[in-house]
Every structure is written in structure tokens, then in C-alpha cells.
Amino acid sequence: MAQSHHLSAICPFLFYSALFLSCVYGARELAEINPLLPPASPCFTSAKGQFQGLQIVNKYEPCSSPLSLEKSRPNQEVLLQDQFRARLLDSLEVVDEYGEGIQLPLTSRGDGNFLVTVGVGTPKRDFTLLFDTGSDATWIQCEPCSAGCNHQIPIFYPSSSSSFSNAICNITCDYSMNYHDGTYSSGYYVVDTLTIQSDLHPNFIFGCAQKIHGDFGGAVGLLGVGPGNLSLVAQTDTGYFRVFCYCLPASENSAGYLSFGVQAFENCQPDENKLIPISLGLNQNAYSYFVTLTGITIGQQRLDISGNVSSPLKAIIDSGTSISRLPFSLYSALRQAFRRLMSQYPTASPSQNFDTCYNLEGQNNWTPPKMVLHFEGVDLDLDPSAVTFREKDNNAQVCLAFMANENDSDLTIIGNQQHREMNVFFDISNQKLAFTSGGCSNW
């Protein structure tokens, strides 16, 4: 299944270790940060303000305004983009963690679903970026842009920032990403001040994209919070301690949050008994956050990882993929159990790569079967909305919200459909992850 993937040399940075010395913040200052964006009336409940951090909105929904071009995106196109994303993760080529071929995963055809706004430069200008745990480096479209930039949205002008400088590199500061579907982004690495709310991060390294091809959904670029050395998490570790958390909104009229450091602890308050070990780095050509999936319970039936599925089963936590992908043998067992539990309801035609769908017209009180994901030492009770996928244009039709990989060797992915309305907490230094209930509707 692997496709060709080319990445030009991305250099080791001479000043990389010194970068963190200029980003020191006190705990009191972190605790007093105010949200970057003002409340937008359709996106907040009456309890807004309980959580602190950057606002996360779904780029396909009304809360993403003024990116209105995404509001009417049909499910079929969204899921097609999701399929590109899953294939992309299986075809990435990764080499040296310090730069010679380091992964810069971009979203294929703009399939990253969630947006945040940060400031770049001096004076600060706000840019709306795709938020992605499966990507390391951040990139923003820049002028002069020779091909593919969207001039209907803000573009970064290096000459307008007094804190801008070119990156210092051993070989070259150019980057180039090319995908099997024709999507690409290329340019060069630069250094400038990144602003997260009122928090300044000087000497932040990011890609200045001058050639772009593909649909990135009205976003100016991508904010990478993956585990690599060029990610936002790594470049702000002195101030944020390599800790962050987020909650992805499930409702089209709600917003979530992304917060770092002390704010992340305050928002998520992880239970020590609920921490899941994570591993960072390479597995099947991807560089991401990995957890061990030991089983799935559907209704009263537990499906353990066995048979043709390698055990332990490593899965990536990926905010940029919507629908979770499972090895075919595990998915087949899940599908069979789900169908038994749904046997009293009429089936519907397969829809958009979902092969297990039902017509629930008139079943206003129906709730999906209970589902639990079993990780290493921790059980995660899924929210009912995470078990099934409901059609936008046909609310009576629901489908099992999981898909099968084409090969058992393909990456197992825990997509954002399965962790929406959850507080997802990452402690990278201690290699721990936590899912906590409560959701982000109170943002």
C-alpha cells in the first residue's frame, strides 16, 4: 500500500538547543492567561470561561466563521479526505530526528478538521491554522508566494515583522513535502515570535510556505503539536513543560480548547490512576503518539487483541483523522458484534466507506450500544456520539463509526470521532496520556 513520498533535506539547526533558553514563564503568569479569541455567540454556552486556552473550532461548522467556504462541506468529501489522511500516515518516509529527512506531515487535501488561532511576528498578526497531533513542524503560507496560496485569507509577510529572521542551517533550510495525491507544500524555514494568547515565544522555527497545492480548507497553515523536535511542544518546553491538553467539540454550535502547561493541568486534572503509557517516535513509518490497545468491549462482549492481529497492538492518537482505523480482523469482530446488537433495526445501504449502517427513522430514544476501548491499564468509556457516525443530510441513518484497514500491517489509528468531548491530556516528559470525561461544552 505504501506510496512514494519525497522530503528534501531539512537541516539540523545550529541554535536549536539554545532556542528554549529564551522562553521562561512563571506559573502565576501561565495561570492568568486569557483566551485569545473573543466569545462568538453561537459557539459558547452560558458556562463559558471555565476552561482556559486557545479556542478550537471544527472547520466545517458555523463556529469556524469567517471561514464560511467550509460550512457546507458534504460528508462524502470529508470522509474522502479522511481516507487520504489514513493512507498518508502509512506512506510517510522518516529519517533522522534532528533534520535529515525529518517528518513534516501535512494534512492531505486539508483533512485536518480543527482550527486554532495564534499570533506570529512583531507586531503580532493572528493566523488560523489546522491543529494536528500527527504533525511536527508548523508552517504558514508566506509572501512572496509563487504558487497556490489562498490570497482571500491572511498571508504572513516576513518584511512586516521586526522579529523575523532566516533560520541558520548546516546544509539547507528548504523543505518540500509531496504526497501521492498531488498535495504539497514547500518553502524554507524561518524564525520569528509565536504568540499563544498573551504568551510570547521568541525564536520559534516554522516553515514559510511559498508553494502550496491542495485544499487546506481556508486555513493559513498548520500547527504541529506532534512529538518531534520541531513541534510546538518541543520548542516551548521551558515554559509549558511539554504538557498540553485539548477537547474537540462534537456539536456544530460548540467550541473546544487547546491549552498548554499549567493551564493544561487546570483544565484536565488528570487522575493518576487513569494515565495511559505512550511511546513517541517511529512505528510503521510514522512519527506520532502511540498507545497500546489491548481490546474493545461492545455491549457485554469483550474483543481481545488476538488471532491475526499483532499483540500488543500499537495505535496512534491522531487529531487529524476523523474515523478510527482498525486491523481488518479486529474490525470484523467488532462489526459482527455490533450487528448482533442492532439486529432489531432495519439496515441501510453502505455509505461513504461505512459498511454497517441502519435506518433509525422514528427511533427518537435510541442510544448506541455501550463501547469501551481498553488501553494498557486503563479503560475508556466512549461517549455515545463516538460509537456511531450520523449523516448530516439524513439524521435517521447511523453507521458504525469505525473502518477497517486494507491490511493488518497498516497503522491502527484512534481518530478524533472517538475522543471528541473528552479532555485529552498529554504529559510528554513522563510519556503519559489521559482521557477524562466532562467534555468541552462549558468552554
Protein backbone atom coordinates (compact mmCIF):
# COMPACT_ATOMS: atom_id res chain seq x y z
CA MET A 1 0.00 0.00 0.00
CA ALA A 2 2.97 2.29 0.58
CA GLN A 3 3.21 5.17 -1.85
CA SER A 4 6.23 7.16 -2.86
CA HIS A 5 6.96 10.11 -0.61
CA HIS A 6 9.72 12.65 -1.02
CA LEU A 7 11.08 15.03 1.53
CA SER A 8 14.05 17.22 0.75
CA ALA A 9 16.72 17.60 3.40
CA ILE A 10 15.62 19.65 6.37
CA CYS A 11 18.68 20.85 8.19
CA PRO A 12 19.80 20.47 11.77
CA PHE A 13 19.64 23.90 13.39
CA LEU A 14 22.83 25.21 14.95
CA PHE A 15 20.97 27.15 17.60
CA TYR A 16 18.32 24.53 18.38
CA SER A 17 19.26 23.78 21.97
CA ALA A 18 19.66 27.48 22.77
CA LEU A 19 16.19 28.25 21.47
CA PHE A 20 14.50 27.15 24.67
CA LEU A 21 16.56 29.40 26.97
CA SER A 22 14.63 32.49 25.91
CA CYS A 23 11.17 31.07 26.77
CA VAL A 24 10.85 31.20 30.55
CA TYR A 25 7.46 31.86 32.15
CA GLY A 26 6.23 31.76 35.73
CA ALA A 27 3.41 29.55 36.91
CA ARG A 28 1.39 32.57 38.07
CA GLU A 29 1.66 34.19 34.65
CA LEU A 30 0.57 30.99 32.94
CA ALA A 31 -2.45 30.71 35.18
CA GLU A 32 -3.60 34.24 34.40
CA ILE A 33 -3.64 33.96 30.59
CA ASN A 34 -6.92 35.00 29.00
CA PRO A 35 -8.42 33.40 25.88
CA LEU A 36 -7.01 34.73 22.63
CA LEU A 37 -10.32 34.91 20.83
CA PRO A 38 -13.43 36.79 21.99
CA PRO A 39 -16.53 34.67 22.56
CA ALA A 40 -18.53 34.11 19.40
CA SER A 41 -22.17 33.76 20.35
CA PRO A 42 -23.12 30.54 18.52
CA CYS A 43 -20.04 28.71 19.85
CA PHE A 44 -20.29 29.13 23.60
CA THR A 45 -22.63 28.00 26.34
CA SER A 46 -23.68 30.08 29.32
CA ALA A 47 -20.85 28.50 31.30
CA LYS A 48 -18.12 29.83 29.03
CA GLY A 49 -14.86 30.70 30.71
CA GLN A 50 -14.49 27.52 32.77
CA PHE A 51 -11.64 26.36 30.54
CA GLN A 52 -8.58 28.38 29.61
CA GLY A 53 -6.67 28.17 26.36
CA LEU A 54 -6.97 28.61 22.63
CA GLN A 55 -10.39 28.09 21.13
CA ILE A 56 -10.72 25.02 18.89
CA VAL A 57 -13.48 25.00 16.28
CA ASN A 58 -14.48 22.50 13.64
CA LYS A 59 -13.57 23.96 10.26
CA TYR A 60 -16.69 22.50 8.65
CA GLU A 61 -19.14 24.08 11.06
CA PRO A 62 -20.61 27.56 11.80
CA CYS A 63 -18.14 28.18 14.62
CA SER A 64 -15.34 28.34 12.03
CA SER A 65 -16.67 31.66 10.68
CA PRO A 66 -15.30 33.65 8.90
CA LEU A 67 -14.04 30.56 7.06
CA SER A 68 -17.50 30.20 5.58
CA LEU A 69 -16.34 28.31 2.49
CA GLU A 70 -16.18 25.17 4.66
CA LYS A 71 -19.63 25.37 6.18
CA SER A 72 -21.44 23.29 3.59
CA ARG A 73 -18.78 20.65 3.01
CA PRO A 74 -20.68 17.37 2.45
CA ASN A 75 -19.88 14.26 4.48
CA GLN A 76 -18.79 12.38 1.37
CA GLU A 77 -15.94 14.80 0.68
CA VAL A 78 -14.94 15.00 4.34
CA LEU A 79 -14.65 11.21 4.58
CA LEU A 80 -12.80 11.01 1.29
CA GLN A 81 -10.24 13.41 2.72
CA ASP A 82 -10.08 11.26 5.84
CA GLN A 83 -9.20 8.27 3.68
CA PHE A 84 -6.36 10.27 2.10
CA ARG A 85 -5.13 11.06 5.60
CA ALA A 86 -5.04 7.41 6.69
CA ARG A 87 -3.14 6.43 3.54
CA LEU A 88 -0.74 9.32 4.02
CA LEU A 89 0.18 8.14 7.52
CA ASP A 90 1.06 4.73 6.11
CA SER A 91 3.27 6.16 3.36
CA LEU A 92 5.40 8.69 5.24
CA GLU A 93 9.15 8.37 4.97
CA VAL A 94 11.05 9.32 8.10
CA VAL A 95 14.80 9.50 8.55
CA ASP A 96 16.79 11.49 11.10
CA GLU A 97 15.00 13.04 14.10
CA TYR A 98 17.25 16.12 14.01
CA GLY A 99 16.59 17.21 10.48
CA GLU A 100 17.94 15.00 7.69
CA GLY A 101 14.60 13.88 6.36
CA ILE A 102 12.58 14.71 9.46
CA GLN A 103 8.86 14.16 9.05
CA LEU A 104 6.74 17.22 8.35
CA PRO A 105 3.33 15.60 7.93
CA LEU A 106 0.89 17.96 6.30
CA THR A 107 -2.79 17.24 6.05
CA SER A 108 -3.65 15.66 2.73
CA ARG A 109 -6.24 17.73 0.87
CA GLY A 110 -6.90 19.70 4.03
CA ASP A 111 -8.34 16.81 6.00
CA GLY A 112 -7.37 18.20 9.40
CA ASN A 113 -10.71 19.04 10.97
CA PHE A 114 -9.97 21.53 13.74
CA LEU A 115 -8.72 25.10 13.78
CA VAL A 116 -6.93 27.29 16.31
CA THR A 117 -5.69 30.88 16.06
CA VAL A 118 -2.21 32.00 17.11
CA GLY A 119 -0.15 35.14 16.62
CA VAL A 120 3.05 35.37 14.58
CA GLY A 121 5.59 38.18 14.22
CA THR A 122 6.13 41.64 15.72
CA PRO A 123 3.70 43.32 15.74
CA LYS A 124 1.60 40.20 16.15
CA ARG A 125 -0.78 39.13 13.40
CA ASP A 126 -3.32 36.40 14.03
CA PHE A 127 -3.40 33.33 11.77
CA THR A 128 -5.87 30.46 11.79
CA LEU A 129 -4.13 27.09 11.49
CA LEU A 130 -5.10 23.44 11.36
CA PHE A 131 -4.38 21.78 14.71
CA ASP A 132 -2.68 18.40 14.36
CA THR A 133 -1.17 15.95 16.85
CA GLY A 134 0.13 13.91 13.92
CA SER A 135 2.39 16.70 12.64
CA ASP A 136 5.63 18.03 13.99
CA ALA A 137 6.59 21.30 12.32
CA THR A 138 4.35 24.33 11.96
CA TRP A 139 4.04 26.06 8.59
CA ILE A 140 2.31 29.22 7.35
CA GLN A 141 1.81 30.48 3.82
CA CYS A 142 4.14 33.42 3.18
CA GLU A 143 4.76 36.18 0.72
CA PRO A 144 6.20 36.18 -1.82
CA CYS A 145 4.10 33.14 -2.72
CA SER A 146 4.82 31.80 -6.18
CA ALA A 147 2.10 29.16 -6.46
CA GLY A 148 -1.11 28.01 -4.82
CA CYS A 149 -1.50 30.43 -1.90
CA ASN A 150 -5.01 31.48 -0.95
CA HIS A 151 -4.98 35.29 -1.10
CA GLN A 152 -8.51 35.50 0.30
CA ILE A 153 -7.12 34.75 3.76
CA PRO A 154 -4.21 36.35 5.69
CA ILE A 155 -0.70 35.64 4.45
CA PHE A 156 2.44 36.14 6.53
CA TYR A 157 4.67 38.97 5.27
CA PRO A 158 8.21 38.45 6.68
CA SER A 159 9.18 42.03 5.86
CA SER A 160 6.43 43.35 8.15
CA SER A 161 7.82 41.67 11.28
CA SER A 162 10.72 43.25 13.18
CA SER A 163 11.49 39.92 14.93
CA PHE A 164 11.75 37.86 11.73
CA SER A 165 14.97 36.14 10.65
CA ASN A 166 16.02 33.28 8.44
CA ALA A 167 16.92 30.02 10.15
CA ILE A 168 20.61 29.14 10.48
CA CYS A 169 21.20 25.75 8.90
CA ASN A 170 24.11 23.41 8.24
CA ILE A 171 23.02 22.40 4.74
CA THR A 172 19.79 23.95 3.53
CA CYS A 173 16.74 25.48 5.14
CA ASP A 174 14.43 24.40 2.35
CA TYR A 175 11.64 21.91 2.91
CA SER A 176 9.46 20.11 0.40
CA MET A 177 6.59 17.70 1.04
CA ASN A 178 4.97 15.73 -1.77
CA TYR A 179 2.12 13.25 -1.43
CA HIS A 180 0.75 10.54 -3.69
CA ASP A 181 -2.47 12.53 -4.25
CA GLY A 182 -0.61 15.59 -5.57
CA THR A 183 -0.86 17.72 -2.41
CA TYR A 184 2.32 19.51 -1.43
CA SER A 185 3.78 22.43 0.48
CA SER A 186 7.29 23.76 0.06
CA GLY A 187 9.34 26.73 1.13
CA TYR A 188 12.05 27.42 3.68
CA TYR A 189 12.48 27.52 7.43
CA VAL A 190 12.39 30.84 9.28
CA VAL A 191 12.44 32.16 12.83
CA ASP A 192 10.01 34.58 14.46
CA THR A 193 8.00 35.18 17.61
CA LEU A 194 4.99 32.92 18.20
CA THR A 195 2.22 34.29 20.44
CA ILE A 196 -0.13 31.91 22.23
CA GLN A 197 -2.68 34.12 23.92
CA SER A 198 -0.53 36.65 25.83
CA ASP A 199 2.46 34.31 25.97
CA LEU A 200 5.42 35.16 23.72
CA HIS A 201 7.78 32.51 22.34
CA PRO A 202 10.75 34.16 20.59
CA ASN A 203 12.90 32.27 18.09
CA PHE A 204 10.13 29.89 17.04
CA ILE A 205 11.08 27.85 13.97
CA PHE A 206 8.40 27.26 11.34
CA GLY A 207 8.03 26.68 7.64
CA CYS A 208 7.45 29.68 5.39
CA ALA A 209 5.40 28.09 2.60
CA GLN A 210 5.81 29.66 -0.83
CA LYS A 211 4.33 26.89 -2.97
CA ILE A 212 1.13 25.15 -1.98
CA HIS A 213 -1.09 22.76 -3.86
CA GLY A 214 -4.23 21.26 -2.36
CA ASP A 215 -7.27 22.24 -0.35
CA PHE A 216 -6.37 23.24 3.20
CA GLY A 217 -9.88 24.41 3.92
CA GLY A 218 -9.27 28.13 4.29
CA ALA A 219 -6.56 27.65 6.93
CA VAL A 220 -3.33 29.64 6.58
CA GLY A 221 -1.22 26.65 7.52
CA LEU A 222 -0.76 24.00 10.16
CA LEU A 223 0.10 24.00 13.88
CA GLY A 224 2.10 20.86 14.65
CA VAL A 225 1.93 19.51 18.21
CA GLY A 226 3.44 16.11 17.49
CA PRO A 227 6.38 14.59 19.37
CA GLY A 228 9.20 15.74 17.05
CA ASN A 229 11.94 18.25 17.80
CA LEU A 230 10.42 20.94 15.57
CA SER A 231 6.95 20.74 17.11
CA LEU A 232 5.37 23.50 19.17
CA VAL A 233 5.51 21.20 22.21
CA ALA A 234 9.28 20.74 21.91
CA GLN A 235 10.05 24.37 21.11
CA THR A 236 8.11 25.67 24.14
CA ASP A 237 9.16 23.05 26.69
CA THR A 238 10.76 25.52 29.10
CA GLY A 239 7.51 27.43 29.50
CA TYR A 240 4.99 24.63 29.02
CA PHE A 241 6.94 21.61 30.35
CA ARG A 242 5.91 19.52 27.30
CA VAL A 243 2.38 19.31 28.68
CA PHE A 244 -0.78 20.10 26.72
CA CYS A 245 -4.40 19.07 26.56
CA TYR A 246 -7.35 19.62 24.27
CA CYS A 247 -11.03 18.93 23.89
CA LEU A 248 -12.52 18.60 20.42
CA PRO A 249 -16.13 19.83 20.06
CA ALA A 250 -18.75 17.36 18.90
CA SER A 251 -21.55 19.84 18.23
CA GLU A 252 -21.58 22.18 15.26
CA ASN A 253 -22.51 25.02 17.61
CA SER A 254 -19.84 24.42 20.24
CA ALA A 255 -16.15 25.09 20.63
CA GLY A 256 -13.33 23.26 22.34
CA TYR A 257 -9.98 24.30 23.67
CA LEU A 258 -6.24 23.70 23.37
CA SER A 259 -4.12 24.62 26.37
CA PHE A 260 -0.53 24.21 27.49
CA GLY A 261 1.49 23.95 30.69
CA VAL A 262 -0.27 24.97 33.91
CA GLN A 263 -3.50 25.63 32.02
CA ALA A 264 -3.46 22.04 30.76
CA PHE A 265 -3.26 20.72 34.32
CA GLU A 266 -6.03 23.08 35.45
CA ASN A 267 -8.36 22.16 32.58
CA CYS A 268 -7.84 18.40 32.54
CA GLN A 269 -6.89 17.49 36.12
CA PRO A 270 -5.70 14.01 35.17
CA ASP A 271 -6.36 11.16 37.58
CA GLU A 272 -3.07 9.38 38.38
CA ASN A 273 -4.90 6.05 38.09
CA LYS A 274 -6.10 6.89 34.58
CA LEU A 275 -2.76 7.67 32.94
CA ILE A 276 -2.00 5.62 29.83
CA PRO A 277 1.63 4.99 28.81
CA ILE A 278 2.51 6.48 25.43
CA SER A 279 5.53 5.91 23.24
CA LEU A 280 6.99 8.57 21.00
CA GLY A 281 8.62 8.03 17.66
CA LEU A 282 8.68 5.62 14.78
CA ASN A 283 6.32 2.76 14.13
CA GLN A 284 5.49 1.61 10.60
CA ASN A 285 6.98 4.76 9.07
CA ALA A 286 5.06 7.28 11.20
CA TYR A 287 6.28 9.59 13.94
CA SER A 288 3.45 10.12 16.38
CA TYR A 289 2.00 9.44 19.80
CA PHE A 290 1.40 5.71 20.26
CA VAL A 291 -0.68 3.84 22.83
CA THR A 292 -1.24 0.12 23.35
CA LEU A 293 -4.75 -1.08 22.55
CA THR A 294 -5.50 -4.36 24.37
CA GLY A 295 -9.15 -4.85 23.49
CA ILE A 296 -12.60 -3.41 22.74
CA THR A 297 -15.85 -4.11 24.57
CA ILE A 298 -19.11 -3.71 22.67
CA GLY A 299 -22.24 -4.24 24.76
CA GLN A 300 -21.21 -7.06 27.10
CA GLN A 301 -18.76 -8.72 24.72
CA ARG A 302 -15.03 -8.09 25.02
CA LEU A 303 -12.96 -8.43 21.87
CA ASP A 304 -9.36 -9.06 22.85
CA ILE A 305 -6.40 -8.44 20.60
CA SER A 306 -5.66 -11.91 19.30
CA GLY A 307 -5.66 -14.05 16.20
CA ASN A 308 -4.04 -12.40 13.22
CA VAL A 309 -3.55 -9.06 14.97
CA SER A 310 -0.08 -8.50 16.38
CA SER A 311 -0.10 -8.18 20.15
CA PRO A 312 0.43 -5.75 21.75
CA LEU A 313 -1.35 -3.59 19.18
CA LYS A 314 0.15 -0.11 18.84
CA ALA A 315 -2.25 2.65 17.81
CA ILE A 316 -1.63 6.33 17.16
CA ILE A 317 -3.71 9.11 18.72
CA ASP A 318 -4.37 11.43 15.79
CA SER A 319 -6.49 14.59 15.90
CA GLY A 320 -6.28 14.94 12.11
CA THR A 321 -8.02 11.64 11.28
CA SER A 322 -11.77 11.58 11.85
CA ILE A 323 -12.64 7.87 11.83
CA SER A 324 -10.61 5.25 13.70
CA ARG A 325 -8.93 2.56 11.62
CA LEU A 326 -8.61 -0.98 12.99
CA PRO A 327 -6.90 -4.12 11.66
CA PHE A 328 -9.41 -5.93 9.49
CA SER A 329 -9.68 -8.98 11.75
CA LEU A 330 -10.42 -6.81 14.81
CA TYR A 331 -12.83 -4.61 12.86
CA SER A 332 -14.62 -7.69 11.52
CA ALA A 333 -15.20 -8.98 15.05
CA LEU A 334 -16.42 -5.53 16.17
CA ARG A 335 -18.75 -5.25 13.20
CA GLN A 336 -20.20 -8.71 13.83
CA ALA A 337 -20.89 -7.93 17.49
CA PHE A 338 -22.40 -4.53 16.62
CA ARG A 339 -24.70 -6.11 14.03
CA ARG A 340 -25.97 -8.63 16.58
CA LEU A 341 -26.83 -5.80 18.97
CA MET A 342 -28.59 -3.90 16.16
CA SER A 343 -30.46 -6.86 14.69
CA GLN A 344 -33.88 -5.44 15.60
CA TYR A 345 -33.37 -2.32 13.46
CA PRO A 346 -33.64 -2.10 9.66
CA THR A 347 -30.35 -1.89 7.82
CA ALA A 348 -29.46 0.90 5.41
CA SER A 349 -27.25 0.92 2.35
CA PRO A 350 -23.50 1.22 2.97
CA SER A 351 -22.47 4.86 2.97
CA GLN A 352 -19.16 6.59 2.23
CA ASN A 353 -16.88 3.67 3.16
CA PHE A 354 -19.05 2.70 6.15
CA ASP A 355 -20.30 -0.84 5.64
CA THR A 356 -22.58 -1.17 8.70
CA CYS A 357 -25.47 1.31 8.62
CA TYR A 358 -29.04 1.42 9.94
CA ASN A 359 -32.23 3.36 9.33
CA LEU A 360 -33.49 4.65 12.69
CA GLU A 361 -36.36 6.78 11.45
CA GLY A 362 -38.85 7.19 14.29
CA GLN A 363 -36.42 5.81 16.89
CA ASN A 364 -36.06 9.07 18.81
CA ASN A 365 -34.97 7.40 22.05
CA TRP A 366 -32.38 5.11 20.52
CA THR A 367 -28.88 5.10 22.01
CA PRO A 368 -25.85 3.30 20.60
CA PRO A 369 -24.52 0.18 22.30
CA LYS A 370 -22.03 0.86 25.07
CA MET A 371 -18.43 0.68 23.88
CA VAL A 372 -15.17 0.65 25.82
CA LEU A 373 -11.65 0.93 24.45
CA HIS A 374 -9.17 -0.97 26.62
CA PHE A 375 -5.69 0.52 26.76
CA GLU A 376 -2.70 -0.57 28.77
CA GLY A 377 -4.05 -0.45 32.34
CA VAL A 378 -6.93 1.94 31.56
CA ASP A 379 -10.46 1.54 30.19
CA LEU A 380 -12.05 4.36 28.21
CA ASP A 381 -15.85 4.51 28.09
CA LEU A 382 -16.72 6.14 24.79
CA ASP A 383 -19.31 8.87 24.61
CA PRO A 384 -22.41 7.59 22.73
CA SER A 385 -21.67 10.08 19.93
CA ALA A 386 -18.30 8.38 19.40
CA VAL A 387 -19.79 4.95 18.67
CA THR A 388 -21.76 5.83 15.54
CA PHE A 389 -21.50 8.32 12.70
CA ARG A 390 -24.70 10.14 11.81
CA GLU A 391 -25.35 11.51 8.35
CA LYS A 392 -25.75 15.28 8.15
CA ASP A 393 -28.31 15.10 5.37
CA ASN A 394 -30.14 12.09 6.77
CA ASN A 395 -30.33 12.11 10.57
CA ALA A 396 -32.23 8.83 10.54
CA GLN A 397 -29.21 6.93 9.21
CA VAL A 398 -26.36 5.97 11.51
CA CYS A 399 -23.28 3.88 10.81
CA LEU A 400 -20.70 2.16 12.97
CA ALA A 401 -18.03 4.88 13.36
CA PHE A 402 -15.01 2.67 12.69
CA MET A 403 -13.35 1.48 9.50
CA ALA A 404 -11.11 -1.41 8.57
CA ASN A 405 -7.57 -1.09 7.29
CA GLU A 406 -6.87 -2.71 3.96
CA ASN A 407 -4.00 -4.67 5.53
CA ASP A 408 -3.35 -5.70 9.12
CA SER A 409 0.11 -4.17 8.75
CA ASP A 410 -1.40 -0.70 8.22
CA LEU A 411 -1.43 1.78 11.08
CA THR A 412 -4.11 1.43 13.72
CA ILE A 413 -5.48 4.93 14.31
CA ILE A 414 -7.65 6.28 17.14
CA GLY A 415 -9.30 9.16 15.30
CA ASN A 416 -10.97 12.29 16.60
CA GLN A 417 -14.51 10.88 16.35
CA GLN A 418 -13.58 8.60 19.27
CA HIS A 419 -12.15 11.33 21.52
CA ARG A 420 -14.48 14.24 20.92
CA GLU A 421 -15.97 15.77 24.07
CA MET A 422 -13.12 14.16 26.02
CA ASN A 423 -10.36 16.07 27.77
CA VAL A 424 -7.23 14.58 26.23
CA PHE A 425 -4.12 15.23 28.33
CA PHE A 426 -0.52 14.72 27.13
CA ASP A 427 2.46 14.68 29.51
CA ILE A 428 5.28 14.17 27.03
CA SER A 429 8.17 14.29 29.51
CA ASN A 430 6.68 11.41 31.50
CA GLN A 431 5.23 9.74 28.39
CA LYS A 432 1.69 9.60 29.74
CA LEU A 433 -1.74 10.28 28.23
CA ALA A 434 -5.13 10.63 29.92
CA PHE A 435 -8.72 10.75 28.71
CA THR A 436 -11.12 12.35 31.18
CA SER A 437 -14.84 12.90 30.91
CA GLY A 438 -16.54 16.26 31.21
CA GLY A 439 -16.20 17.42 27.66
CA CYS A 440 -15.67 20.92 26.35
CA SER A 441 -19.25 22.16 26.13
CA ASN A 442 -18.58 24.50 29.05
CA TRP A 443 -15.92 26.45 27.17
